[in-house]
């Protein structure tokens, strides 16, 4: 792919990628603490969950009570970082349209999308646990 074709492609989608990255990062940043606190209180600190963890540990399976919550926290944080880094790269690449910088920003966007999918999977798993907990009350 020559530089002009790459620049044309990048210029077509740059504003959208930048806006999406900033919006995603800001939204997840505002929601991260709320999501983690709700999940901790309504799932991981319940008596039923504590009994399940105790039974697993008694059966010889060493289980960390907050490991799924920690994974969710890391996924959300990674997605926030990736989104803001992508936004910065989009901005820099639009100011200095070098081939390597454009390719780097597009790769960064792909990594951000992967982080989003990873976070969605973990949020979904945690919401399933939340719904199961609420059904059993």
N, C-alpha and C. Protein backbone atom coordinates (compact mmCIF):
# COMPACT_ATOMS: atom_id res chain seq x y z
N UNK A 1 0.85 -1.17 0.00
CA UNK A 1 0.00 0.00 0.00
C UNK A 1 0.89 1.24 0.00
N UNK A 2 0.67 2.12 -0.95
CA UNK A 2 1.50 3.32 -1.00
C UNK A 2 1.00 4.36 0.00
N UNK A 3 1.82 5.36 0.23
CA UNK A 3 1.55 6.36 1.26
C UNK A 3 0.28 7.15 0.96
N UNK A 4 0.05 7.51 -0.28
CA UNK A 4 -1.13 8.31 -0.62
C UNK A 4 -2.43 7.56 -0.37
N UNK A 5 -2.47 6.29 -0.71
CA UNK A 5 -3.67 5.48 -0.46
C UNK A 5 -3.90 5.34 1.04
N UNK A 6 -2.82 5.12 1.78
CA UNK A 6 -2.91 5.00 3.22
C UNK A 6 -3.39 6.31 3.84
N UNK A 7 -2.86 7.44 3.38
CA UNK A 7 -3.29 8.75 3.88
C UNK A 7 -4.77 8.99 3.59
N UNK A 8 -5.21 8.62 2.39
CA UNK A 8 -6.61 8.82 2.02
C UNK A 8 -7.53 7.99 2.92
N UNK A 9 -7.17 6.73 3.14
CA UNK A 9 -7.95 5.87 4.02
C UNK A 9 -7.98 6.44 5.43
N UNK A 10 -6.82 6.84 5.91
CA UNK A 10 -6.70 7.36 7.27
C UNK A 10 -7.50 8.64 7.43
N UNK A 11 -7.40 9.55 6.46
CA UNK A 11 -8.13 10.82 6.55
C UNK A 11 -9.65 10.61 6.52
N UNK A 12 -10.09 9.57 5.84
CA UNK A 12 -11.52 9.28 5.78
C UNK A 12 -12.06 8.88 7.15
N UNK A 13 -11.31 8.11 7.88
CA UNK A 13 -11.80 7.57 9.15
C UNK A 13 -11.18 8.19 10.39
N UNK A 14 -10.22 9.06 10.25
CA UNK A 14 -9.49 9.60 11.39
C UNK A 14 -10.40 10.28 12.41
N UNK A 15 -11.28 11.14 11.97
CA UNK A 15 -12.17 11.86 12.89
C UNK A 15 -13.07 10.88 13.64
N UNK A 16 -13.59 9.90 12.94
CA UNK A 16 -14.46 8.91 13.59
C UNK A 16 -13.68 8.09 14.62
N UNK A 17 -12.48 7.66 14.25
CA UNK A 17 -11.66 6.88 15.18
C UNK A 17 -11.31 7.71 16.41
N UNK A 18 -10.95 8.98 16.19
CA UNK A 18 -10.60 9.86 17.31
C UNK A 18 -11.80 10.06 18.23
N UNK A 19 -12.95 10.38 17.66
CA UNK A 19 -14.17 10.61 18.46
C UNK A 19 -14.58 9.35 19.21
N UNK A 20 -14.52 8.22 18.54
CA UNK A 20 -14.90 6.95 19.18
C UNK A 20 -13.96 6.63 20.34
N UNK A 21 -12.68 6.86 20.14
CA UNK A 21 -11.70 6.56 21.20
C UNK A 21 -11.90 7.44 22.42
N UNK A 22 -12.08 8.73 22.20
CA UNK A 22 -12.30 9.66 23.31
C UNK A 22 -13.61 9.33 24.04
N UNK A 23 -14.66 9.08 23.28
CA UNK A 23 -15.96 8.76 23.88
C UNK A 23 -15.90 7.47 24.69
N UNK A 24 -15.31 6.45 24.11
CA UNK A 24 -15.19 5.16 24.79
C UNK A 24 -14.38 5.30 26.07
N UNK A 25 -13.24 5.94 25.98
CA UNK A 25 -12.39 6.11 27.16
C UNK A 25 -13.07 6.88 28.26
N UNK A 26 -13.74 7.98 27.91
CA UNK A 26 -14.43 8.79 28.91
C UNK A 26 -15.60 8.04 29.54
N UNK A 27 -16.35 7.32 28.72
CA UNK A 27 -17.49 6.56 29.24
C UNK A 27 -17.02 5.47 30.21
N UNK A 28 -16.03 4.71 29.80
CA UNK A 28 -15.54 3.63 30.67
C UNK A 28 -14.89 4.17 31.93
N UNK A 29 -14.22 5.30 31.81
CA UNK A 29 -13.59 5.92 32.98
C UNK A 29 -14.65 6.31 34.00
N UNK A 30 -15.76 6.86 33.52
CA UNK A 30 -16.82 7.27 34.44
C UNK A 30 -17.58 6.07 35.01
N UNK A 31 -17.65 4.98 34.29
CA UNK A 31 -18.42 3.82 34.72
C UNK A 31 -17.60 2.79 35.50
N UNK A 32 -16.29 2.81 35.38
CA UNK A 32 -15.45 1.76 35.95
C UNK A 32 -15.67 1.59 37.45
N UNK A 33 -15.58 2.64 38.20
CA UNK A 33 -15.72 2.55 39.65
C UNK A 33 -17.12 2.08 40.02
N UNK A 34 -18.12 2.61 39.34
CA UNK A 34 -19.50 2.23 39.61
C UNK A 34 -19.72 0.73 39.37
N UNK A 35 -19.24 0.24 38.24
CA UNK A 35 -19.41 -1.17 37.89
C UNK A 35 -18.71 -2.05 38.93
N UNK A 36 -17.49 -1.72 39.27
CA UNK A 36 -16.71 -2.53 40.21
C UNK A 36 -17.38 -2.55 41.59
N UNK A 37 -17.83 -1.38 42.06
CA UNK A 37 -18.46 -1.32 43.38
C UNK A 37 -19.76 -2.12 43.43
N UNK A 38 -20.58 -1.99 42.40
CA UNK A 38 -21.85 -2.74 42.36
C UNK A 38 -21.59 -4.24 42.35
N UNK A 39 -20.65 -4.67 41.51
CA UNK A 39 -20.36 -6.10 41.41
C UNK A 39 -19.81 -6.62 42.74
N UNK A 40 -18.95 -5.87 43.38
CA UNK A 40 -18.37 -6.31 44.65
C UNK A 40 -19.45 -6.46 45.70
N UNK A 41 -20.29 -5.46 45.82
CA UNK A 41 -21.32 -5.46 46.86
C UNK A 41 -22.40 -6.52 46.59
N UNK A 42 -22.87 -6.59 45.36
CA UNK A 42 -24.03 -7.43 45.06
C UNK A 42 -23.69 -8.86 44.65
N UNK A 43 -22.42 -9.15 44.41
CA UNK A 43 -22.05 -10.53 44.04
C UNK A 43 -20.97 -11.07 44.96
N UNK A 44 -19.82 -10.43 44.96
CA UNK A 44 -18.64 -11.02 45.59
C UNK A 44 -18.64 -10.92 47.12
N UNK A 45 -19.45 -10.04 47.69
CA UNK A 45 -19.52 -9.95 49.15
C UNK A 45 -20.78 -10.61 49.71
N UNK A 46 -21.50 -11.37 48.89
CA UNK A 46 -22.70 -12.04 49.37
C UNK A 46 -22.34 -13.32 50.12
N UNK A 47 -23.23 -13.73 50.98
CA UNK A 47 -23.02 -14.95 51.75
C UNK A 47 -22.96 -16.18 50.84
N UNK A 48 -23.83 -16.21 49.83
CA UNK A 48 -23.85 -17.34 48.91
C UNK A 48 -22.51 -17.50 48.17
N UNK A 49 -21.96 -16.40 47.69
CA UNK A 49 -20.68 -16.46 46.98
C UNK A 49 -19.56 -16.88 47.94
N UNK A 50 -19.60 -16.35 49.16
CA UNK A 50 -18.58 -16.73 50.15
C UNK A 50 -18.64 -18.22 50.46
N UNK A 51 -19.85 -18.78 50.55
CA UNK A 51 -19.98 -20.23 50.78
C UNK A 51 -19.40 -21.02 49.61
N UNK A 52 -19.68 -20.57 48.40
CA UNK A 52 -19.17 -21.26 47.20
C UNK A 52 -17.64 -21.24 47.19
N UNK A 53 -17.05 -20.11 47.51
CA UNK A 53 -15.58 -20.00 47.55
C UNK A 53 -15.02 -20.88 48.67
N UNK A 54 -15.68 -20.87 49.82
CA UNK A 54 -15.23 -21.70 50.94
C UNK A 54 -15.27 -23.18 50.56
N UNK A 55 -16.33 -23.62 49.89
CA UNK A 55 -16.44 -25.02 49.46
C UNK A 55 -15.36 -25.38 48.45
N UNK A 56 -15.07 -24.49 47.54
CA UNK A 56 -14.01 -24.75 46.55
C UNK A 56 -12.65 -24.86 47.24
N UNK A 57 -12.39 -23.96 48.17
CA UNK A 57 -11.12 -24.00 48.89
C UNK A 57 -11.01 -25.25 49.77
N UNK A 58 -12.13 -25.66 50.37
CA UNK A 58 -12.13 -26.86 51.20
C UNK A 58 -11.91 -28.12 50.37
N UNK A 59 -12.32 -28.07 49.10
CA UNK A 59 -12.14 -29.21 48.20
C UNK A 59 -10.74 -29.25 47.60
N UNK A 60 -9.90 -28.31 48.00
CA UNK A 60 -8.52 -28.32 47.52
C UNK A 60 -8.26 -27.41 46.33
N UNK A 61 -9.28 -26.75 45.83
CA UNK A 61 -9.09 -25.81 44.71
C UNK A 61 -8.89 -24.41 45.29
N UNK A 62 -7.68 -23.97 45.25
CA UNK A 62 -7.37 -22.64 45.78
C UNK A 62 -8.00 -21.58 44.88
N UNK A 63 -8.97 -20.87 45.42
CA UNK A 63 -9.71 -19.89 44.65
C UNK A 63 -9.63 -18.54 45.34
N UNK A 64 -9.28 -17.54 44.58
CA UNK A 64 -9.25 -16.17 45.09
C UNK A 64 -10.64 -15.57 44.92
N UNK A 65 -11.20 -15.12 46.01
CA UNK A 65 -12.57 -14.61 46.03
C UNK A 65 -12.79 -13.48 45.01
N UNK A 66 -11.85 -12.59 44.92
CA UNK A 66 -12.02 -11.41 44.08
C UNK A 66 -11.31 -11.49 42.72
N UNK A 67 -10.81 -12.66 42.35
CA UNK A 67 -10.09 -12.80 41.08
C UNK A 67 -10.93 -12.37 39.86
N UNK A 68 -12.20 -12.82 39.74
CA UNK A 68 -12.98 -12.37 38.59
C UNK A 68 -13.20 -10.86 38.58
N UNK A 69 -13.37 -10.29 39.76
CA UNK A 69 -13.54 -8.85 39.86
C UNK A 69 -12.25 -8.11 39.49
N UNK A 70 -11.14 -8.67 39.90
CA UNK A 70 -9.84 -8.10 39.54
C UNK A 70 -9.62 -8.17 38.03
N UNK A 71 -9.99 -9.30 37.43
CA UNK A 71 -9.88 -9.42 35.97
C UNK A 71 -10.73 -8.37 35.26
N UNK A 72 -11.94 -8.16 35.77
CA UNK A 72 -12.81 -7.14 35.18
C UNK A 72 -12.20 -5.75 35.32
N UNK A 73 -11.66 -5.45 36.48
CA UNK A 73 -11.03 -4.14 36.72
C UNK A 73 -9.86 -3.92 35.77
N UNK A 74 -9.05 -4.95 35.59
CA UNK A 74 -7.90 -4.85 34.68
C UNK A 74 -8.36 -4.68 33.23
N UNK A 75 -9.40 -5.40 32.85
CA UNK A 75 -9.91 -5.30 31.48
C UNK A 75 -10.44 -3.90 31.21
N UNK A 76 -11.19 -3.35 32.15
CA UNK A 76 -11.72 -2.00 31.97
C UNK A 76 -10.60 -0.97 31.93
N UNK A 77 -9.63 -1.11 32.83
CA UNK A 77 -8.51 -0.17 32.84
C UNK A 77 -7.69 -0.26 31.55
N UNK A 78 -7.44 -1.48 31.08
CA UNK A 78 -6.70 -1.65 29.83
C UNK A 78 -7.44 -1.04 28.65
N UNK A 79 -8.75 -1.19 28.64
CA UNK A 79 -9.54 -0.62 27.56
C UNK A 79 -9.51 0.90 27.61
N UNK A 80 -9.58 1.46 28.80
CA UNK A 80 -9.49 2.93 28.94
C UNK A 80 -8.14 3.43 28.44
N UNK A 81 -7.06 2.79 28.88
CA UNK A 81 -5.73 3.19 28.44
C UNK A 81 -5.59 3.08 26.92
N UNK A 82 -6.04 1.95 26.38
CA UNK A 82 -5.93 1.74 24.94
C UNK A 82 -6.73 2.79 24.17
N UNK A 83 -7.91 3.14 24.66
CA UNK A 83 -8.74 4.13 23.97
C UNK A 83 -8.07 5.50 23.97
N UNK A 84 -7.53 5.92 25.11
CA UNK A 84 -6.89 7.23 25.15
C UNK A 84 -5.58 7.26 24.36
N UNK A 85 -4.83 6.18 24.39
CA UNK A 85 -3.60 6.11 23.59
C UNK A 85 -3.95 6.16 22.11
N UNK A 86 -5.00 5.45 21.72
CA UNK A 86 -5.44 5.48 20.32
C UNK A 86 -5.85 6.88 19.90
N UNK A 87 -6.58 7.58 20.77
CA UNK A 87 -7.00 8.95 20.45
C UNK A 87 -5.78 9.86 20.25
N UNK A 88 -4.79 9.71 21.11
CA UNK A 88 -3.58 10.52 20.99
C UNK A 88 -2.85 10.19 19.69
N UNK A 89 -2.73 8.90 19.39
CA UNK A 89 -2.07 8.49 18.14
C UNK A 89 -2.83 9.00 16.91
N UNK A 90 -4.15 8.97 16.97
CA UNK A 90 -4.95 9.49 15.85
C UNK A 90 -4.67 10.98 15.63
N UNK A 91 -4.60 11.71 16.73
CA UNK A 91 -4.33 13.14 16.65
C UNK A 91 -2.93 13.41 16.10
N UNK A 92 -1.95 12.72 16.63
CA UNK A 92 -0.57 12.91 16.19
C UNK A 92 -0.40 12.50 14.72
N UNK A 93 -1.01 11.40 14.35
CA UNK A 93 -0.90 10.92 12.96
C UNK A 93 -1.58 11.87 11.99
N UNK A 94 -2.62 12.55 12.43
CA UNK A 94 -3.27 13.52 11.54
C UNK A 94 -2.41 14.78 11.38
N UNK A 95 -1.64 15.12 12.40
CA UNK A 95 -0.76 16.30 12.31
C UNK A 95 0.53 15.99 11.55
N UNK A 96 1.03 14.77 11.71
CA UNK A 96 2.26 14.34 11.07
C UNK A 96 2.01 13.07 10.28
N UNK A 97 1.47 13.15 9.09
CA UNK A 97 1.04 11.94 8.36
C UNK A 97 2.21 11.13 7.77
N UNK A 98 2.92 10.47 8.64
CA UNK A 98 3.98 9.55 8.23
C UNK A 98 3.39 8.15 8.15
N UNK A 99 3.88 7.35 7.22
CA UNK A 99 3.32 6.02 7.01
C UNK A 99 3.39 5.18 8.27
N UNK A 100 4.53 5.15 8.94
CA UNK A 100 4.68 4.32 10.14
C UNK A 100 3.74 4.78 11.26
N UNK A 101 3.50 6.09 11.34
CA UNK A 101 2.63 6.62 12.38
C UNK A 101 1.16 6.30 12.10
N UNK A 102 0.79 6.37 10.84
CA UNK A 102 -0.58 6.03 10.44
C UNK A 102 -0.83 4.54 10.71
N UNK A 103 0.12 3.70 10.33
CA UNK A 103 -0.03 2.26 10.56
C UNK A 103 -0.09 1.97 12.06
N UNK A 104 0.75 2.63 12.83
CA UNK A 104 0.74 2.45 14.28
C UNK A 104 -0.61 2.84 14.88
N UNK A 105 -1.18 3.95 14.42
CA UNK A 105 -2.47 4.37 14.96
C UNK A 105 -3.59 3.41 14.56
N UNK A 106 -3.52 2.84 13.37
CA UNK A 106 -4.52 1.85 12.96
C UNK A 106 -4.38 0.55 13.75
N UNK A 107 -3.16 0.15 14.02
CA UNK A 107 -2.94 -1.04 14.85
C UNK A 107 -3.45 -0.78 16.27
N UNK A 108 -3.21 0.42 16.75
CA UNK A 108 -3.70 0.79 18.08
C UNK A 108 -5.23 0.73 18.14
N UNK A 109 -5.89 1.14 17.08
CA UNK A 109 -7.34 1.07 17.03
C UNK A 109 -7.80 -0.40 17.08
N UNK A 110 -7.11 -1.26 16.37
CA UNK A 110 -7.45 -2.69 16.39
C UNK A 110 -7.26 -3.27 17.80
N UNK A 111 -6.19 -2.89 18.46
CA UNK A 111 -5.94 -3.36 19.83
C UNK A 111 -7.04 -2.85 20.77
N UNK A 112 -7.46 -1.61 20.57
CA UNK A 112 -8.54 -1.06 21.38
C UNK A 112 -9.82 -1.86 21.19
N UNK A 113 -10.15 -2.21 19.95
CA UNK A 113 -11.34 -3.01 19.70
C UNK A 113 -11.24 -4.37 20.39
N UNK A 114 -10.06 -4.98 20.38
CA UNK A 114 -9.88 -6.26 21.08
C UNK A 114 -10.08 -6.10 22.58
N UNK A 115 -9.56 -5.01 23.13
CA UNK A 115 -9.75 -4.74 24.56
C UNK A 115 -11.23 -4.55 24.88
N UNK A 116 -11.95 -3.86 24.01
CA UNK A 116 -13.38 -3.65 24.22
C UNK A 116 -14.11 -4.99 24.24
N UNK A 117 -13.80 -5.87 23.29
CA UNK A 117 -14.45 -7.18 23.26
C UNK A 117 -14.12 -7.99 24.51
N UNK A 118 -12.88 -7.94 24.95
CA UNK A 118 -12.47 -8.63 26.17
C UNK A 118 -13.26 -8.08 27.37
N UNK A 119 -13.37 -6.76 27.47
CA UNK A 119 -14.11 -6.15 28.57
C UNK A 119 -15.59 -6.51 28.51
N UNK A 120 -16.15 -6.54 27.32
CA UNK A 120 -17.57 -6.91 27.17
C UNK A 120 -17.80 -8.34 27.64
N UNK A 121 -16.91 -9.24 27.30
CA UNK A 121 -17.05 -10.63 27.74
C UNK A 121 -17.01 -10.72 29.27
N UNK A 122 -16.06 -10.02 29.88
CA UNK A 122 -15.94 -10.08 31.34
C UNK A 122 -17.13 -9.39 32.03
N UNK A 123 -17.59 -8.28 31.48
CA UNK A 123 -18.77 -7.62 32.05
C UNK A 123 -19.97 -8.54 31.95
N UNK A 124 -20.13 -9.19 30.81
CA UNK A 124 -21.24 -10.12 30.62
C UNK A 124 -21.19 -11.27 31.63
N UNK A 125 -20.01 -11.83 31.83
CA UNK A 125 -19.87 -12.91 32.80
C UNK A 125 -20.24 -12.44 34.22
N UNK A 126 -19.79 -11.24 34.56
CA UNK A 126 -20.09 -10.71 35.88
C UNK A 126 -21.56 -10.35 36.03
N UNK A 127 -22.18 -9.85 34.98
CA UNK A 127 -23.61 -9.56 35.03
C UNK A 127 -24.42 -10.84 35.18
N UNK A 128 -23.97 -11.92 34.54
CA UNK A 128 -24.63 -13.21 34.72
C UNK A 128 -24.57 -13.65 36.19
N UNK A 129 -23.42 -13.45 36.81
CA UNK A 129 -23.30 -13.77 38.23
C UNK A 129 -24.23 -12.90 39.07
N UNK A 130 -24.32 -11.62 38.72
CA UNK A 130 -25.20 -10.71 39.44
C UNK A 130 -26.66 -11.15 39.31
N UNK A 131 -27.07 -11.50 38.10
CA UNK A 131 -28.44 -11.94 37.88
C UNK A 131 -28.74 -13.25 38.61
N UNK A 132 -27.78 -14.16 38.60
CA UNK A 132 -27.95 -15.41 39.34
C UNK A 132 -28.10 -15.15 40.83
N UNK A 133 -27.31 -14.24 41.35
CA UNK A 133 -27.39 -13.88 42.76
C UNK A 133 -28.75 -13.28 43.09
N UNK A 134 -29.25 -12.41 42.24
CA UNK A 134 -30.54 -11.76 42.48
C UNK A 134 -31.68 -12.77 42.38
N UNK A 135 -31.56 -13.73 41.48
CA UNK A 135 -32.61 -14.77 41.35
C UNK A 135 -32.67 -15.66 42.59
N UNK A 136 -31.53 -15.90 43.21
CA UNK A 136 -31.47 -16.79 44.36
C UNK A 136 -31.84 -16.13 45.67
N UNK A 137 -32.07 -14.83 45.65
CA UNK A 137 -32.42 -14.13 46.90
C UNK A 137 -33.85 -14.40 47.30
